[in-house]
Amino acid sequence: MKQNNGDLDNFIAGIFDGLQSANSMAKIHPMFNAKGLEEISPNRSFVENDIQVVEIMAKKLPQDTDEKISYKIAIETVNI
């Protein structure tokens, strides 16, 4: 595994940041106004507060040197 791929906890922190909408003072790139990108808009919030997250499963997998760094997330609603 390459040593410069980043820490798993930093990737997880970035996911938590992405679950909430961007700060209202942030400048949003115009590309997010394009039709079809509404679901990934920085103005969209998936959770009001990350305190609502009840479970995290994360795994850092080995990568080939020419492989692009990526990750997948799944969001599920849990009725408590």
C-alpha atoms as a PDB file:
ATOM      1  CA  MET A   1       0.000   0.000   0.000  1.00  0.00           C
ATOM      2  CA  LYS A   2       1.336   3.430  -0.888  1.00  0.00           C
ATOM      3  CA  GLN A   3       2.145   5.426   2.249  1.00  0.00           C
ATOM      4  CA  ASN A   4       0.899   8.773   0.866  1.00  0.00           C
ATOM      5  CA  ASN A   5      -2.718   7.783   0.248  1.00  0.00           C
ATOM      6  CA  GLY A   6      -3.963   9.649   3.309  1.00  0.00           C
ATOM      7  CA  ASP A   7      -5.197   8.546   6.673  1.00  0.00           C
ATOM      8  CA  LEU A   8      -8.451   6.650   6.928  1.00  0.00           C
ATOM      9  CA  ASP A   9      -9.697   9.000   9.664  1.00  0.00           C
ATOM     10  CA  ASN A  10      -9.186  11.987   7.334  1.00  0.00           C
ATOM     11  CA  PHE A  11     -11.234  10.302   4.623  1.00  0.00           C
ATOM     12  CA  ILE A  12     -14.006   9.611   7.149  1.00  0.00           C
ATOM     13  CA  ALA A  13     -13.918  13.232   8.386  1.00  0.00           C
ATOM     14  CA  GLY A  14     -14.327  14.381   4.779  1.00  0.00           C
ATOM     15  CA  ILE A  15     -17.360  12.152   4.359  1.00  0.00           C
ATOM     16  CA  PHE A  16     -18.946  13.663   7.470  1.00  0.00           C
ATOM     17  CA  ASP A  17     -18.293  17.150   6.087  1.00  0.00           C
ATOM     18  CA  GLY A  18     -19.900  16.128   2.804  1.00  0.00           C
ATOM     19  CA  LEU A  19     -23.067  14.849   4.480  1.00  0.00           C
ATOM     20  CA  GLN A  20     -23.913  18.355   5.624  1.00  0.00           C
ATOM     21  CA  SER A  21     -24.566  21.281   3.310  1.00  0.00           C
ATOM     22  CA  ALA A  22     -21.887  23.860   2.635  1.00  0.00           C
ATOM     23  CA  ASN A  23     -21.654  26.964   4.769  1.00  0.00           C
ATOM     24  CA  SER A  24     -24.139  29.563   3.499  1.00  0.00           C
ATOM     25  CA  MET A  25     -21.234  32.007   3.017  1.00  0.00           C
ATOM     26  CA  ALA A  26     -19.288  29.578   0.774  1.00  0.00           C
ATOM     27  CA  LYS A  27     -18.946  30.320  -2.926  1.00  0.00           C
ATOM     28  CA  ILE A  28     -20.330  27.363  -4.864  1.00  0.00           C
ATOM     29  CA  HIS A  29     -18.789  26.561  -8.244  1.00  0.00           C
ATOM     30  CA  PRO A  30     -21.282  27.280 -11.082  1.00  0.00           C
ATOM     31  CA  MET A  31     -20.934  23.706 -12.383  1.00  0.00           C
ATOM     32  CA  PHE A  32     -23.256  22.590  -9.579  1.00  0.00           C
ATOM     33  CA  ASN A  33     -26.080  24.552 -11.245  1.00  0.00           C
ATOM     34  CA  ALA A  34     -26.000  22.121 -14.185  1.00  0.00           C
ATOM     35  CA  LYS A  35     -29.067  19.970 -14.726  1.00  0.00           C
ATOM     36  CA  GLY A  36     -28.594  16.500 -13.259  1.00  0.00           C
ATOM     37  CA  LEU A  37     -26.195  17.530 -10.490  1.00  0.00           C
ATOM     38  CA  GLU A  38     -28.878  18.454  -7.946  1.00  0.00           C
ATOM     39  CA  GLU A  39     -28.257  15.284  -5.940  1.00  0.00           C
ATOM     40  CA  ILE A  40     -24.619  16.172  -5.318  1.00  0.00           C
ATOM     41  CA  SER A  41     -25.049  19.899  -4.818  1.00  0.00           C
ATOM     42  CA  PRO A  42     -23.050  21.376  -1.926  1.00  0.00           C
ATOM     43  CA  ASN A  43     -26.295  23.141  -0.988  1.00  0.00           C
ATOM     44  CA  ARG A  44     -27.946  19.790  -0.298  1.00  0.00           C
ATOM     45  CA  SER A  45     -27.765  18.317   3.180  1.00  0.00           C
ATOM     46  CA  PHE A  46     -28.023  14.563   3.684  1.00  0.00           C
ATOM     47  CA  VAL A  47     -28.149  14.936   7.465  1.00  0.00           C
ATOM     48  CA  GLU A  48     -28.901  17.976   9.621  1.00  0.00           C
ATOM     49  CA  ASN A  49     -26.140  17.104  12.058  1.00  0.00           C
ATOM     50  CA  ASP A  50     -23.590  14.293  11.939  1.00  0.00           C
ATOM     51  CA  ILE A  51     -24.664  13.333  15.461  1.00  0.00           C
ATOM     52  CA  GLN A  52     -27.420  11.441  13.592  1.00  0.00           C
ATOM     53  CA  VAL A  53     -24.836   8.969  12.241  1.00  0.00           C
ATOM     54  CA  VAL A  54     -25.067   5.768  14.273  1.00  0.00           C
ATOM     55  CA  GLU A  55     -22.620   3.458  12.492  1.00  0.00           C
ATOM     56  CA  ILE A  56     -19.494   3.724  10.382  1.00  0.00           C
ATOM     57  CA  MET A  57     -17.749   0.886   8.603  1.00  0.00           C
ATOM     58  CA  ALA A  58     -14.518   1.803   6.876  1.00  0.00           C
ATOM     59  CA  LYS A  59     -11.688  -0.118   5.294  1.00  0.00           C
ATOM     60  CA  LYS A  60      -8.567   1.125   3.540  1.00  0.00           C
ATOM     61  CA  LEU A  61      -7.643  -1.242   0.742  1.00  0.00           C
ATOM     62  CA  PRO A  62      -4.294  -1.609  -1.023  1.00  0.00           C
ATOM     63  CA  GLN A  63      -3.947   0.279  -4.294  1.00  0.00           C
ATOM     64  CA  ASP A  64      -1.772  -0.128  -7.325  1.00  0.00           C
ATOM     65  CA  THR A  65       0.492   2.861  -7.919  1.00  0.00           C
ATOM     66  CA  ASP A  66      -1.447   3.928 -11.034  1.00  0.00           C
ATOM     67  CA  GLU A  67      -4.898   3.505  -9.500  1.00  0.00           C
ATOM     68  CA  LYS A  68      -6.979   6.598  -8.749  1.00  0.00           C
ATOM     69  CA  ILE A  69      -7.874   7.098  -5.075  1.00  0.00           C
ATOM     70  CA  SER A  70     -11.611   6.704  -4.531  1.00  0.00           C
ATOM     71  CA  TYR A  71     -14.167   5.576  -1.997  1.00  0.00           C
ATOM     72  CA  LYS A  72     -17.800   4.534  -1.916  1.00  0.00           C
ATOM     73  CA  ILE A  73     -20.398   5.429   0.692  1.00  0.00           C
ATOM     74  CA  ALA A  74     -23.868   4.112   1.410  1.00  0.00           C
ATOM     75  CA  ILE A  75     -26.404   6.069   3.450  1.00  0.00           C
ATOM     76  CA  GLU A  76     -29.279   4.221   5.062  1.00  0.00           C
ATOM     77  CA  THR A  77     -32.113   5.507   7.187  1.00  0.00           C
ATOM     78  CA  VAL A  78     -32.501   3.751  10.510  1.00  0.00           C
ATOM     79  CA  ASN A  79     -35.738   4.026  12.458  1.00  0.00           C
ATOM     80  CA  ILE A  80     -34.877   4.132  16.137  1.00  0.00           C
END
